[in-house]
Amino acid sequence: MRASRLLAAAILAIAASPASAEMMSYKAKLSSAAEVPPNDSKATGDIQATFDTATRKLSWKGDYKGLSGPVTAAHFHGPAAPGANAPPVVTVKIDKSPFSGEATLTQAQAADLAKGDWYFNVHTEKNKGGEIRGQMMK
């Protein structure tokens, strides 16, 4: 009888505990063809990100090659579907490739990212609006 009470108490404790965080993975292939409008750059890149749903922390790692010059700016932009432009929502500091970083998102930003409405953009002097871009996808 005592063992069954302990088992019942353990089950209730587990059921009452808060749900554990989910780690979501995102990635994007960066290219000039994905820019809006596209440009003639031969540069390419990749970015991978993980998002912790409990802390809303987004962590990323990326790389690029073949840019027309040094990176002048890099951002996550949103909300925007592929083929549309949007303002920057998270600025990314890039000194060289590879690069990495993290930021804490607002609830609205997290929702847009989860819907696939964010893209990553790398800007250069020659391509001020963006040289390579990619939509962040699960």
N, C-alpha and C. Protein backbone atom coordinates (compact mmCIF):
# COMPACT_ATOMS: atom_id res chain seq x y z
N MET A 1 0.84 -1.19 0.00
CA MET A 1 0.00 0.00 0.00
C MET A 1 0.88 1.25 0.00
N ARG A 2 1.89 1.24 0.87
CA ARG A 2 2.79 2.40 0.95
C ARG A 2 3.51 2.63 -0.39
N ALA A 3 3.96 1.55 -1.04
CA ALA A 3 4.66 1.67 -2.32
C ALA A 3 3.74 2.27 -3.37
N SER A 4 2.47 1.89 -3.37
CA SER A 4 1.55 2.44 -4.37
C SER A 4 1.30 3.93 -4.13
N ARG A 5 1.29 4.36 -2.86
CA ARG A 5 1.14 5.79 -2.55
C ARG A 5 2.35 6.57 -3.03
N LEU A 6 3.55 6.00 -2.81
CA LEU A 6 4.77 6.66 -3.26
C LEU A 6 4.79 6.77 -4.78
N LEU A 7 4.40 5.72 -5.45
CA LEU A 7 4.34 5.73 -6.91
C LEU A 7 3.35 6.77 -7.39
N ALA A 8 2.18 6.83 -6.77
CA ALA A 8 1.18 7.82 -7.15
C ALA A 8 1.70 9.24 -6.93
N ALA A 9 2.39 9.47 -5.82
CA ALA A 9 2.94 10.79 -5.53
C ALA A 9 4.01 11.16 -6.55
N ALA A 10 4.82 10.19 -6.94
CA ALA A 10 5.86 10.46 -7.94
C ALA A 10 5.24 10.81 -9.29
N ILE A 11 4.21 10.10 -9.67
CA ILE A 11 3.53 10.38 -10.94
C ILE A 11 2.91 11.77 -10.92
N LEU A 12 2.27 12.12 -9.82
CA LEU A 12 1.68 13.46 -9.70
C LEU A 12 2.75 14.54 -9.75
N ALA A 13 3.88 14.32 -9.13
CA ALA A 13 4.96 15.31 -9.13
C ALA A 13 5.48 15.52 -10.54
N ILE A 14 5.65 14.44 -11.28
CA ILE A 14 6.12 14.55 -12.66
C ILE A 14 5.10 15.27 -13.51
N ALA A 15 3.84 14.93 -13.37
CA ALA A 15 2.78 15.55 -14.15
C ALA A 15 2.64 17.03 -13.84
N ALA A 16 2.92 17.43 -12.61
CA ALA A 16 2.75 18.82 -12.21
C ALA A 16 3.96 19.67 -12.55
N SER A 17 5.09 19.04 -12.91
CA SER A 17 6.29 19.83 -13.21
C SER A 17 6.11 20.55 -14.53
N PRO A 18 6.74 21.73 -14.68
CA PRO A 18 6.60 22.48 -15.92
C PRO A 18 7.20 21.70 -17.09
N ALA A 19 6.63 21.93 -18.27
CA ALA A 19 7.13 21.27 -19.47
C ALA A 19 8.57 21.68 -19.73
N SER A 20 9.35 20.74 -20.20
CA SER A 20 10.74 21.06 -20.48
C SER A 20 10.85 21.88 -21.76
N ALA A 21 11.94 22.61 -21.85
CA ALA A 21 12.16 23.47 -23.00
C ALA A 21 12.39 22.63 -24.24
N GLU A 22 12.01 23.18 -25.36
CA GLU A 22 12.25 22.53 -26.63
C GLU A 22 13.34 23.30 -27.35
N MET A 23 14.27 22.59 -27.94
CA MET A 23 15.32 23.22 -28.74
C MET A 23 14.93 23.08 -30.20
N MET A 24 14.75 24.20 -30.86
CA MET A 24 14.38 24.22 -32.27
C MET A 24 15.64 24.52 -33.09
N SER A 25 15.79 23.84 -34.22
CA SER A 25 16.94 24.06 -35.10
C SER A 25 16.49 24.74 -36.38
N TYR A 26 17.30 25.68 -36.84
CA TYR A 26 17.03 26.43 -38.07
C TYR A 26 18.31 26.50 -38.88
N LYS A 27 18.16 26.67 -40.20
CA LYS A 27 19.33 26.84 -41.04
C LYS A 27 18.94 27.60 -42.30
N ALA A 28 19.97 28.14 -42.96
CA ALA A 28 19.75 28.83 -44.22
C ALA A 28 21.01 28.74 -45.07
N LYS A 29 20.83 28.55 -46.36
CA LYS A 29 21.88 28.68 -47.35
C LYS A 29 21.85 30.13 -47.81
N LEU A 30 23.00 30.79 -47.79
CA LEU A 30 23.08 32.20 -48.16
C LEU A 30 23.58 32.32 -49.59
N SER A 31 22.87 33.11 -50.40
CA SER A 31 23.27 33.31 -51.79
C SER A 31 22.81 34.68 -52.26
N SER A 32 23.41 35.13 -53.36
CA SER A 32 23.01 36.40 -53.96
C SER A 32 21.66 36.27 -54.67
N ALA A 33 21.33 35.07 -55.13
CA ALA A 33 20.06 34.85 -55.82
C ALA A 33 18.87 35.05 -54.89
N ALA A 34 19.07 34.86 -53.59
CA ALA A 34 17.99 35.02 -52.62
C ALA A 34 17.77 36.48 -52.23
N GLU A 35 18.71 37.36 -52.61
CA GLU A 35 18.55 38.79 -52.32
C GLU A 35 17.35 39.34 -53.07
N VAL A 36 16.76 40.41 -52.54
CA VAL A 36 15.61 41.06 -53.18
C VAL A 36 15.96 42.54 -53.35
N PRO A 37 16.36 42.96 -54.58
CA PRO A 37 16.51 42.13 -55.79
C PRO A 37 17.82 41.35 -55.76
N PRO A 38 17.90 40.29 -56.60
CA PRO A 38 19.14 39.51 -56.68
C PRO A 38 20.29 40.36 -57.20
N ASN A 39 21.52 39.96 -56.89
CA ASN A 39 22.70 40.65 -57.42
C ASN A 39 23.61 39.62 -58.08
N ASP A 40 24.74 40.07 -58.64
CA ASP A 40 25.62 39.18 -59.40
C ASP A 40 26.77 38.59 -58.58
N SER A 41 26.74 38.69 -57.27
CA SER A 41 27.81 38.17 -56.43
C SER A 41 27.90 36.64 -56.54
N LYS A 42 29.11 36.14 -56.48
CA LYS A 42 29.34 34.69 -56.48
C LYS A 42 29.51 34.17 -55.05
N ALA A 43 29.36 35.03 -54.04
CA ALA A 43 29.54 34.65 -52.65
C ALA A 43 28.48 33.64 -52.21
N THR A 44 28.84 32.84 -51.23
CA THR A 44 27.92 31.87 -50.65
C THR A 44 28.15 31.82 -49.15
N GLY A 45 27.24 31.21 -48.44
CA GLY A 45 27.39 31.05 -47.00
C GLY A 45 26.32 30.15 -46.44
N ASP A 46 26.47 29.87 -45.16
CA ASP A 46 25.52 29.04 -44.42
C ASP A 46 25.37 29.62 -43.03
N ILE A 47 24.21 29.42 -42.44
CA ILE A 47 24.00 29.76 -41.03
C ILE A 47 23.11 28.69 -40.42
N GLN A 48 23.49 28.26 -39.21
CA GLN A 48 22.70 27.31 -38.43
C GLN A 48 22.39 27.99 -37.10
N ALA A 49 21.17 27.78 -36.61
CA ALA A 49 20.77 28.40 -35.35
C ALA A 49 19.96 27.41 -34.52
N THR A 50 20.05 27.58 -33.21
CA THR A 50 19.19 26.84 -32.30
C THR A 50 18.44 27.85 -31.44
N PHE A 51 17.19 27.52 -31.16
CA PHE A 51 16.35 28.39 -30.36
C PHE A 51 15.80 27.61 -29.18
N ASP A 52 16.04 28.11 -27.98
CA ASP A 52 15.55 27.52 -26.74
C ASP A 52 14.20 28.16 -26.42
N THR A 53 13.13 27.37 -26.49
CA THR A 53 11.79 27.92 -26.31
C THR A 53 11.52 28.41 -24.88
N ALA A 54 12.26 27.89 -23.91
CA ALA A 54 12.04 28.32 -22.52
C ALA A 54 12.70 29.66 -22.23
N THR A 55 13.93 29.82 -22.67
CA THR A 55 14.67 31.06 -22.39
C THR A 55 14.56 32.07 -23.53
N ARG A 56 14.05 31.64 -24.68
CA ARG A 56 13.96 32.44 -25.92
C ARG A 56 15.35 32.87 -26.40
N LYS A 57 16.37 32.06 -26.10
CA LYS A 57 17.72 32.37 -26.54
C LYS A 57 17.97 31.74 -27.90
N LEU A 58 18.38 32.59 -28.86
CA LEU A 58 18.76 32.14 -30.19
C LEU A 58 20.28 32.16 -30.26
N SER A 59 20.87 31.03 -30.62
CA SER A 59 22.33 30.91 -30.78
C SER A 59 22.60 30.52 -32.21
N TRP A 60 23.65 31.09 -32.81
CA TRP A 60 23.93 30.81 -34.22
C TRP A 60 25.42 30.66 -34.48
N LYS A 61 25.69 29.94 -35.59
CA LYS A 61 27.03 29.78 -36.15
C LYS A 61 26.87 29.87 -37.66
N GLY A 62 27.80 30.57 -38.29
CA GLY A 62 27.72 30.70 -39.73
C GLY A 62 29.07 30.89 -40.37
N ASP A 63 29.06 30.85 -41.70
CA ASP A 63 30.28 31.11 -42.46
C ASP A 63 29.89 31.65 -43.82
N TYR A 64 30.88 32.22 -44.49
CA TYR A 64 30.69 32.74 -45.84
C TYR A 64 32.02 32.71 -46.57
N LYS A 65 31.94 32.82 -47.90
CA LYS A 65 33.15 32.94 -48.71
C LYS A 65 32.82 33.68 -50.00
N GLY A 66 33.82 34.37 -50.52
CA GLY A 66 33.69 35.02 -51.82
C GLY A 66 32.99 36.36 -51.83
N LEU A 67 32.84 37.02 -50.68
CA LEU A 67 32.18 38.33 -50.67
C LEU A 67 32.99 39.35 -51.47
N SER A 68 32.33 40.37 -51.97
CA SER A 68 32.98 41.42 -52.77
C SER A 68 33.88 42.32 -51.93
N GLY A 69 33.77 42.25 -50.63
CA GLY A 69 34.57 43.06 -49.72
C GLY A 69 34.22 42.72 -48.29
N PRO A 70 34.78 43.47 -47.34
CA PRO A 70 34.48 43.21 -45.93
C PRO A 70 32.99 43.37 -45.60
N VAL A 71 32.55 42.64 -44.61
CA VAL A 71 31.17 42.74 -44.13
C VAL A 71 30.99 44.12 -43.50
N THR A 72 29.97 44.86 -43.93
CA THR A 72 29.66 46.16 -43.33
C THR A 72 28.53 46.04 -42.31
N ALA A 73 27.70 45.00 -42.45
CA ALA A 73 26.61 44.77 -41.51
C ALA A 73 26.05 43.37 -41.77
N ALA A 74 25.42 42.80 -40.76
CA ALA A 74 24.73 41.52 -40.89
C ALA A 74 23.58 41.52 -39.90
N HIS A 75 22.45 40.96 -40.32
CA HIS A 75 21.25 40.98 -39.49
C HIS A 75 20.37 39.78 -39.77
N PHE A 76 19.55 39.45 -38.78
CA PHE A 76 18.35 38.67 -39.00
C PHE A 76 17.27 39.72 -39.28
N HIS A 77 16.46 39.48 -40.31
CA HIS A 77 15.39 40.40 -40.69
C HIS A 77 14.05 39.68 -40.57
N GLY A 78 12.99 40.46 -40.35
CA GLY A 78 11.67 39.86 -40.32
C GLY A 78 10.61 40.85 -39.87
N PRO A 79 9.37 40.50 -39.94
CA PRO A 79 8.88 39.29 -40.58
C PRO A 79 8.78 39.48 -42.09
N ALA A 80 9.20 38.45 -42.83
CA ALA A 80 9.11 38.48 -44.29
C ALA A 80 9.19 37.07 -44.85
N ALA A 81 8.34 36.82 -45.82
CA ALA A 81 8.39 35.56 -46.57
C ALA A 81 9.52 35.66 -47.59
N PRO A 82 9.95 34.53 -48.15
CA PRO A 82 10.94 34.61 -49.23
C PRO A 82 10.46 35.54 -50.33
N GLY A 83 11.36 36.36 -50.85
CA GLY A 83 11.01 37.29 -51.91
C GLY A 83 10.56 38.65 -51.41
N ALA A 84 10.42 38.81 -50.11
CA ALA A 84 10.00 40.09 -49.53
C ALA A 84 11.11 40.60 -48.61
N ASN A 85 11.15 41.91 -48.44
CA ASN A 85 12.12 42.53 -47.55
C ASN A 85 11.45 42.97 -46.25
N ALA A 86 12.26 43.04 -45.19
CA ALA A 86 11.77 43.47 -43.88
C ALA A 86 12.92 44.15 -43.15
N PRO A 87 12.61 44.89 -42.10
CA PRO A 87 13.67 45.56 -41.34
C PRO A 87 14.49 44.57 -40.51
N PRO A 88 15.70 44.97 -40.11
CA PRO A 88 16.49 44.12 -39.21
C PRO A 88 15.80 43.98 -37.86
N VAL A 89 15.90 42.77 -37.28
CA VAL A 89 15.36 42.54 -35.93
C VAL A 89 16.46 42.16 -34.94
N VAL A 90 17.54 41.57 -35.42
CA VAL A 90 18.69 41.24 -34.57
C VAL A 90 19.96 41.54 -35.37
N THR A 91 20.80 42.41 -34.83
CA THR A 91 22.08 42.73 -35.46
C THR A 91 23.12 41.69 -35.05
N VAL A 92 23.91 41.26 -36.02
CA VAL A 92 24.93 40.24 -35.80
C VAL A 92 26.30 40.87 -36.08
N LYS A 93 27.21 40.74 -35.13
CA LYS A 93 28.57 41.26 -35.30
C LYS A 93 29.41 40.20 -35.99
N ILE A 94 29.95 40.57 -37.16
CA ILE A 94 30.80 39.67 -37.92
C ILE A 94 32.12 40.36 -38.20
N ASP A 95 33.22 39.80 -37.67
CA ASP A 95 34.56 40.29 -37.97
C ASP A 95 35.22 39.43 -39.04
N LYS A 96 34.86 38.14 -39.07
CA LYS A 96 35.45 37.20 -40.02
C LYS A 96 34.57 35.96 -40.08
N SER A 97 34.89 35.11 -41.03
CA SER A 97 34.19 33.83 -41.16
C SER A 97 35.11 32.74 -40.63
N PRO A 98 34.60 31.82 -39.83
CA PRO A 98 33.23 31.66 -39.35
C PRO A 98 32.90 32.66 -38.24
N PHE A 99 31.61 32.80 -37.95
CA PHE A 99 31.12 33.71 -36.92
C PHE A 99 30.09 32.99 -36.07
N SER A 100 29.83 33.55 -34.90
CA SER A 100 28.82 32.98 -34.01
C SER A 100 28.30 34.07 -33.10
N GLY A 101 27.20 33.78 -32.42
CA GLY A 101 26.63 34.73 -31.47
C GLY A 101 25.34 34.22 -30.89
N GLU A 102 24.73 35.08 -30.09
CA GLU A 102 23.44 34.73 -29.47
C GLU A 102 22.70 35.99 -29.09
N ALA A 103 21.39 35.85 -28.97
CA ALA A 103 20.52 36.95 -28.56
C ALA A 103 19.26 36.36 -27.94
N THR A 104 18.63 37.13 -27.08
CA THR A 104 17.35 36.75 -26.50
C THR A 104 16.25 37.45 -27.30
N LEU A 105 15.29 36.67 -27.78
CA LEU A 105 14.22 37.20 -28.62
C LEU A 105 13.00 37.58 -27.79
N THR A 106 12.22 38.50 -28.32
CA THR A 106 10.92 38.80 -27.74
C THR A 106 9.97 37.67 -28.13
N GLN A 107 8.80 37.63 -27.51
CA GLN A 107 7.81 36.61 -27.88
C GLN A 107 7.37 36.78 -29.33
N ALA A 108 7.20 38.01 -29.78
CA ALA A 108 6.77 38.27 -31.16
C ALA A 108 7.86 37.82 -32.15
N GLN A 109 9.12 38.12 -31.83
CA GLN A 109 10.22 37.69 -32.70
C GLN A 109 10.27 36.16 -32.78
N ALA A 110 10.13 35.50 -31.64
CA ALA A 110 10.15 34.04 -31.60
C ALA A 110 9.03 33.46 -32.45
N ALA A 111 7.86 34.07 -32.40
CA ALA A 111 6.73 33.59 -33.19
C ALA A 111 7.01 33.75 -34.69
N ASP A 112 7.58 34.87 -35.09
CA ASP A 112 7.91 35.09 -36.50
C ASP A 112 8.97 34.10 -36.99
N LEU A 113 9.99 33.86 -36.17
CA LEU A 113 11.01 32.88 -36.52
C LEU A 113 10.39 31.50 -36.70
N ALA A 114 9.52 31.09 -35.78
CA ALA A 114 8.88 29.78 -35.84
C ALA A 114 8.01 29.63 -37.09
N LYS A 115 7.43 30.72 -37.57
CA LYS A 115 6.59 30.69 -38.77
C LYS A 115 7.42 30.66 -40.05
N GLY A 116 8.75 30.81 -39.95
CA GLY A 116 9.59 30.85 -41.14
C GLY A 116 9.67 32.23 -41.76
N ASP A 117 9.35 33.26 -40.97
CA ASP A 117 9.30 34.63 -41.48
C ASP A 117 10.55 35.45 -41.16
N TRP A 118 11.68 34.79 -40.98
CA TRP A 118 12.95 35.49 -40.77
C TRP A 118 13.93 35.09 -41.86
N TYR A 119 14.79 36.02 -42.24
CA TYR A 119 15.92 35.70 -43.11
C TYR A 119 17.18 36.33 -42.54
N PHE A 120 18.33 35.80 -42.99
CA PHE A 120 19.62 36.32 -42.57
C PHE A 120 20.27 36.98 -43.77
N ASN A 121 20.87 38.15 -43.54
CA ASN A 121 21.41 38.96 -44.63
C ASN A 121 22.80 39.48 -44.26
N VAL A 122 23.74 39.36 -45.19
CA VAL A 122 25.10 39.89 -45.03
C VAL A 122 25.29 41.02 -46.03
N HIS A 123 25.68 42.19 -45.53
CA HIS A 123 25.84 43.40 -46.34
C HIS A 123 27.32 43.71 -46.55
N THR A 124 27.64 44.28 -47.71
CA THR A 124 28.99 44.76 -48.02
C THR A 124 28.88 46.17 -48.61
N GLU A 125 30.00 46.84 -48.78
CA GLU A 125 30.00 48.18 -49.37
C GLU A 125 29.42 48.14 -50.79
N LYS A 126 29.82 47.15 -51.58
CA LYS A 126 29.33 47.04 -52.97
C LYS A 126 27.84 46.73 -53.00
N ASN A 127 27.38 45.92 -52.07
CA ASN A 127 25.97 45.51 -52.02
C ASN A 127 25.37 45.95 -50.69
N LYS A 128 25.08 47.24 -50.62
CA LYS A 128 24.61 47.86 -49.37
C LYS A 128 23.30 47.25 -48.87
N GLY A 129 22.42 46.84 -49.78
CA GLY A 129 21.14 46.25 -49.40
C GLY A 129 21.26 44.79 -49.00
N GLY A 130 22.41 44.20 -49.27
CA GLY A 130 22.68 42.81 -48.94
C GLY A 130 23.35 42.09 -50.08
N GLU A 131 24.42 41.37 -49.77
CA GLU A 131 25.14 40.60 -50.81
C GLU A 131 24.68 39.16 -50.85
N ILE A 132 24.48 38.55 -49.68
CA ILE A 132 23.96 37.18 -49.62
C ILE A 132 22.88 37.09 -48.54
N ARG A 133 21.91 36.25 -48.83
CA ARG A 133 20.74 36.16 -47.97
C ARG A 133 20.22 34.73 -48.00
N GLY A 134 19.53 34.35 -46.90
CA GLY A 134 18.87 33.05 -46.86
C GLY A 134 17.74 33.06 -45.86
N GLN A 135 16.65 32.37 -46.20
CA GLN A 135 15.48 32.26 -45.33
C GLN A 135 15.77 31.24 -44.24
N MET A 136 15.50 31.57 -42.99
CA MET A 136 15.72 30.66 -41.85
C MET A 136 14.58 29.63 -41.83
N MET A 137 14.96 28.36 -42.01
CA MET A 137 13.97 27.29 -42.08
C MET A 137 14.26 26.23 -41.03
N LYS A 138 13.20 25.59 -40.51
CA LYS A 138 13.34 24.51 -39.52
C LYS A 138 13.97 23.30 -40.21
